């Protein structure tokens, strides 16, 4: 399946679930079917990549950014099962590649690797919350950057108001979104979110990332 086909398939299956009357999507069934593992090469076997990957990383590392954790709620229990039947933790991963996109309508975007094991879980939920990490949350960022164990163990969070996605305590800001569109970009996906709710902690400074190291603003 080509890049355009993958994007079309992703958008086709991103259907909003019915609301339960509170304005929160219930999503009783997955809204995105699993896609096949993609071929990540963006140049032909007989082509030479125009830029060395190590040099690309080194130069782009000069661009200082904030750091976010993208979260999504766990899947609901099977029909007829009690809520206590939930065994899967919420989904989440550390994301440096995040940006505002549009004011009208309010859109944001994040980029995720096409081989990410967390992205399919977020896609199936059809919703996500962007947690802009605070200056003291570097260790939490490292936790969410690792695949495998329950990343939420010991992490305090509350449901975001529109989607129920985890809103991490201590974050400098949070943005609650539904998935609006998915586009391909080389070995990554560009996920566009429609903002449903958001807020900021005015007394919390953001965590910064520059040349592979965490930092913070000084005043």
Protein backbone atom coordinates (compact mmCIF):
# COMPACT_ATOMS: atom_id res chain seq x y z
CA UNK A 1 0.00 0.00 0.00
CA UNK A 2 1.47 3.38 -1.01
CA UNK A 3 1.69 6.50 1.11
CA UNK A 4 -1.52 7.99 -0.31
CA UNK A 5 -3.33 4.69 0.20
CA UNK A 6 -2.23 4.49 3.82
CA UNK A 7 -3.46 8.01 4.52
CA UNK A 8 -6.79 7.33 2.83
CA UNK A 9 -7.24 4.11 4.78
CA UNK A 10 -6.44 5.83 8.08
CA UNK A 11 -8.91 8.62 7.50
CA UNK A 12 -11.58 6.22 6.24
CA UNK A 13 -11.56 4.29 9.51
CA UNK A 14 -11.33 7.30 11.82
CA UNK A 15 -15.03 7.54 12.56
CA UNK A 16 -16.36 9.36 15.62
CA UNK A 17 -18.18 7.11 18.09
CA UNK A 18 -21.65 8.01 19.41
CA UNK A 19 -21.95 10.34 22.37
CA UNK A 20 -23.40 9.25 25.71
CA UNK A 21 -25.25 12.53 26.27
CA UNK A 22 -22.43 14.17 28.18
CA UNK A 23 -20.61 15.27 25.04
CA UNK A 24 -17.94 12.59 25.48
CA UNK A 25 -17.48 10.08 22.69
CA UNK A 26 -18.09 6.57 23.97
CA UNK A 27 -16.38 4.71 21.09
CA UNK A 28 -17.91 1.27 21.78
CA UNK A 29 -15.99 -0.20 18.84
CA UNK A 30 -12.52 0.50 17.45
CA UNK A 31 -12.56 3.38 14.99
CA UNK A 32 -9.39 2.47 13.11
CA UNK A 33 -8.48 -0.91 11.72
CA UNK A 34 -4.88 -2.02 11.94
CA UNK A 35 -2.80 -1.19 8.89
CA UNK A 36 0.01 -3.36 7.52
CA UNK A 37 3.54 -2.54 8.57
CA UNK A 38 4.76 -0.04 5.95
CA UNK A 39 7.87 -0.08 3.83
CA UNK A 40 9.80 2.87 5.27
CA UNK A 41 12.28 3.57 2.49
CA UNK A 42 11.59 6.92 0.85
CA UNK A 43 14.22 6.54 -1.89
CA UNK A 44 14.84 3.69 -4.28
CA UNK A 45 17.44 1.00 -3.57
CA UNK A 46 19.65 2.46 -6.31
CA UNK A 47 19.29 6.06 -5.07
CA UNK A 48 21.58 7.83 -2.69
CA UNK A 49 19.93 9.68 0.21
CA UNK A 50 20.69 13.41 -0.30
CA UNK A 51 21.46 14.02 3.39
CA UNK A 52 23.34 11.87 5.88
CA UNK A 53 20.93 10.85 8.65
CA UNK A 54 23.38 11.57 11.46
CA UNK A 55 24.02 15.05 10.06
CA UNK A 56 20.29 15.60 9.66
CA UNK A 57 19.73 14.78 13.34
CA UNK A 58 22.68 16.95 14.44
CA UNK A 59 21.54 20.05 12.58
CA UNK A 60 17.84 19.71 13.39
CA UNK A 61 18.80 19.26 17.04
CA UNK A 62 19.71 22.96 17.06
CA UNK A 63 15.99 23.73 16.98
CA UNK A 64 14.88 24.00 20.61
CA UNK A 65 11.39 22.68 21.31
CA UNK A 66 9.03 21.91 24.12
CA UNK A 67 8.22 18.30 25.00
CA UNK A 68 4.80 16.67 25.12
CA UNK A 69 3.25 13.37 26.08
CA UNK A 70 0.40 12.33 23.78
CA UNK A 71 -2.17 10.20 25.62
CA UNK A 72 -5.36 8.33 24.79
CA UNK A 73 -7.84 6.40 26.95
CA UNK A 74 -7.85 2.60 27.11
CA UNK A 75 -10.39 0.73 25.01
CA UNK A 76 -13.79 0.26 26.68
CA UNK A 77 -14.72 -3.14 28.15
CA UNK A 78 -16.57 -5.57 25.89
CA UNK A 79 -20.34 -5.06 25.59
CA UNK A 80 -22.08 -6.28 28.73
CA UNK A 81 -18.86 -6.43 30.77
CA UNK A 82 -18.34 -4.43 33.95
CA UNK A 83 -16.00 -1.45 33.87
CA UNK A 84 -13.71 -3.39 36.22
CA UNK A 85 -13.00 -5.68 33.25
CA UNK A 86 -10.63 -3.04 31.88
CA UNK A 87 -7.16 -4.56 31.91
CA UNK A 88 -5.31 -2.45 29.33
CA UNK A 89 -3.69 0.79 30.56
CA UNK A 90 -4.10 4.08 28.69
CA UNK A 91 -1.85 4.75 25.70
CA UNK A 92 0.88 7.37 25.73
CA UNK A 93 4.22 8.31 24.22
CA UNK A 94 6.71 11.18 24.48
CA UNK A 95 6.53 13.49 21.47
CA UNK A 96 8.84 16.36 20.58
CA UNK A 97 7.28 16.90 17.15
CA UNK A 98 4.15 18.86 18.05
CA UNK A 99 2.80 22.14 16.68
CA UNK A 100 -0.24 24.37 16.55
CA UNK A 101 -1.72 24.30 13.05
CA UNK A 102 -4.88 26.38 12.64
CA UNK A 103 -6.83 28.96 14.61
CA UNK A 104 -10.13 28.61 12.73
CA UNK A 105 -10.95 25.79 13.09
CA UNK A 106 -8.67 25.12 16.09
CA UNK A 107 -6.24 22.42 14.94
CA UNK A 108 -2.96 21.04 16.25
CA UNK A 109 -0.65 18.39 14.81
CA UNK A 110 1.88 15.86 16.03
CA UNK A 111 4.18 13.52 14.16
CA UNK A 112 4.64 9.86 15.05
CA UNK A 113 6.82 7.15 13.54
CA UNK A 114 4.94 4.77 11.26
CA UNK A 115 6.34 1.79 13.21
CA UNK A 116 5.13 3.14 16.58
CA UNK A 117 3.33 0.51 18.65
CA UNK A 118 1.44 3.20 20.59
CA UNK A 119 -0.02 5.04 17.60
CA UNK A 120 -2.47 2.23 16.60
CA UNK A 121 -3.98 2.38 20.10
CA UNK A 122 -4.40 6.15 19.86
CA UNK A 123 -5.85 5.80 16.37
CA UNK A 124 -8.39 3.22 17.51
CA UNK A 125 -9.51 5.56 20.30
CA UNK A 126 -9.92 8.37 17.77
CA UNK A 127 -9.04 10.92 20.46
CA UNK A 128 -5.95 12.16 22.28
CA UNK A 129 -4.69 14.71 24.79
CA UNK A 130 -1.46 16.66 24.32
CA UNK A 131 0.26 17.14 27.68
CA UNK A 132 2.87 19.93 27.48
CA UNK A 133 5.39 18.82 30.09
CA UNK A 134 6.55 21.07 32.91
CA UNK A 135 10.19 21.88 33.62
CA UNK A 136 10.41 19.26 36.38
CA UNK A 137 8.98 16.39 34.31
CA UNK A 138 12.11 15.27 32.47
CA UNK A 139 12.08 11.86 34.15
CA UNK A 140 8.43 11.40 33.26
CA UNK A 141 9.32 12.17 29.63
CA UNK A 142 11.98 9.44 29.71
CA UNK A 143 9.39 6.99 31.05
CA UNK A 144 7.04 7.65 28.13
CA UNK A 145 9.86 7.47 25.59
CA UNK A 146 10.45 3.78 26.36
CA UNK A 147 8.38 0.98 24.85
CA UNK A 148 7.09 -1.89 26.89
CA UNK A 149 5.97 -1.63 30.52
CA UNK A 150 2.95 0.23 31.84
CA UNK A 151 4.08 3.83 31.38
CA UNK A 152 1.27 5.13 33.57
CA UNK A 153 2.25 3.16 36.69
CA UNK A 154 2.58 5.73 39.48
CA UNK A 155 1.70 8.66 37.16
CA UNK A 156 -1.12 10.85 38.49
CA UNK A 157 -3.66 11.86 35.86
CA UNK A 158 -7.31 12.81 35.43
CA UNK A 159 -9.68 12.44 32.46
CA UNK A 160 -9.65 15.34 30.00
CA UNK A 161 -13.16 16.84 29.83
CA UNK A 162 -14.06 16.20 26.18
CA UNK A 163 -12.48 12.82 25.41
CA UNK A 164 -11.47 11.23 28.70
CA UNK A 165 -7.84 10.99 27.58
CA UNK A 166 -5.33 11.12 30.45
CA UNK A 167 -4.47 14.64 31.54
CA UNK A 168 -1.15 14.37 33.38
CA UNK A 169 -0.89 16.19 36.69
CA UNK A 170 1.82 18.86 36.72
CA UNK A 171 1.79 19.51 32.97
CA UNK A 172 2.30 23.10 31.86
CA UNK A 173 -0.71 22.85 29.51
CA UNK A 174 -3.10 20.28 28.06
CA UNK A 175 -5.00 20.18 24.75
CA UNK A 176 -7.90 17.72 24.41
CA UNK A 177 -8.54 16.62 20.81
CA UNK A 178 -10.35 14.32 18.43
CA UNK A 179 -8.43 12.95 15.45
CA UNK A 180 -9.27 15.17 12.47
CA UNK A 181 -7.01 13.78 9.72
CA UNK A 182 -3.93 11.61 9.18
CA UNK A 183 -1.34 12.26 6.46
CA UNK A 184 1.89 10.48 5.54
CA UNK A 185 5.28 12.17 5.71
CA UNK A 186 8.14 9.84 4.83
CA UNK A 187 8.71 7.43 7.71
CA UNK A 188 6.26 9.34 9.93
CA UNK A 189 2.54 10.06 10.08
CA UNK A 190 1.23 13.61 10.51
CA UNK A 191 -1.76 13.45 12.85
CA UNK A 192 -4.06 16.48 12.86
CA UNK A 193 -6.28 16.97 15.90
CA UNK A 194 -9.43 19.07 16.27
CA UNK A 195 -9.18 20.88 19.63
CA UNK A 196 -12.19 20.33 21.91
CA UNK A 197 -10.87 21.75 25.20
CA UNK A 198 -7.61 23.15 26.54
CA UNK A 199 -6.05 24.98 29.46
CA UNK A 200 -2.71 25.96 30.92
CA UNK A 201 -1.08 26.11 34.34
CA UNK A 202 0.17 29.70 34.38
CA UNK A 203 2.65 29.06 37.20
CA UNK A 204 4.33 26.05 35.53
CA UNK A 205 7.36 26.59 33.31
CA UNK A 206 7.76 24.26 30.29
CA UNK A 207 10.34 21.54 29.79
CA UNK A 208 12.67 22.33 26.87
CA UNK A 209 14.68 20.01 24.62
CA UNK A 210 17.81 21.06 22.71
CA UNK A 211 20.62 19.02 21.15
CA UNK A 212 19.49 15.86 22.92
CA UNK A 213 19.31 17.44 26.38
CA UNK A 214 16.57 18.80 28.60
CA UNK A 215 16.62 22.41 29.75
CA UNK A 216 14.41 25.11 31.18
CA UNK A 217 13.74 28.81 30.81
CA UNK A 218 15.47 31.21 33.18
CA UNK A 219 14.03 34.56 34.19
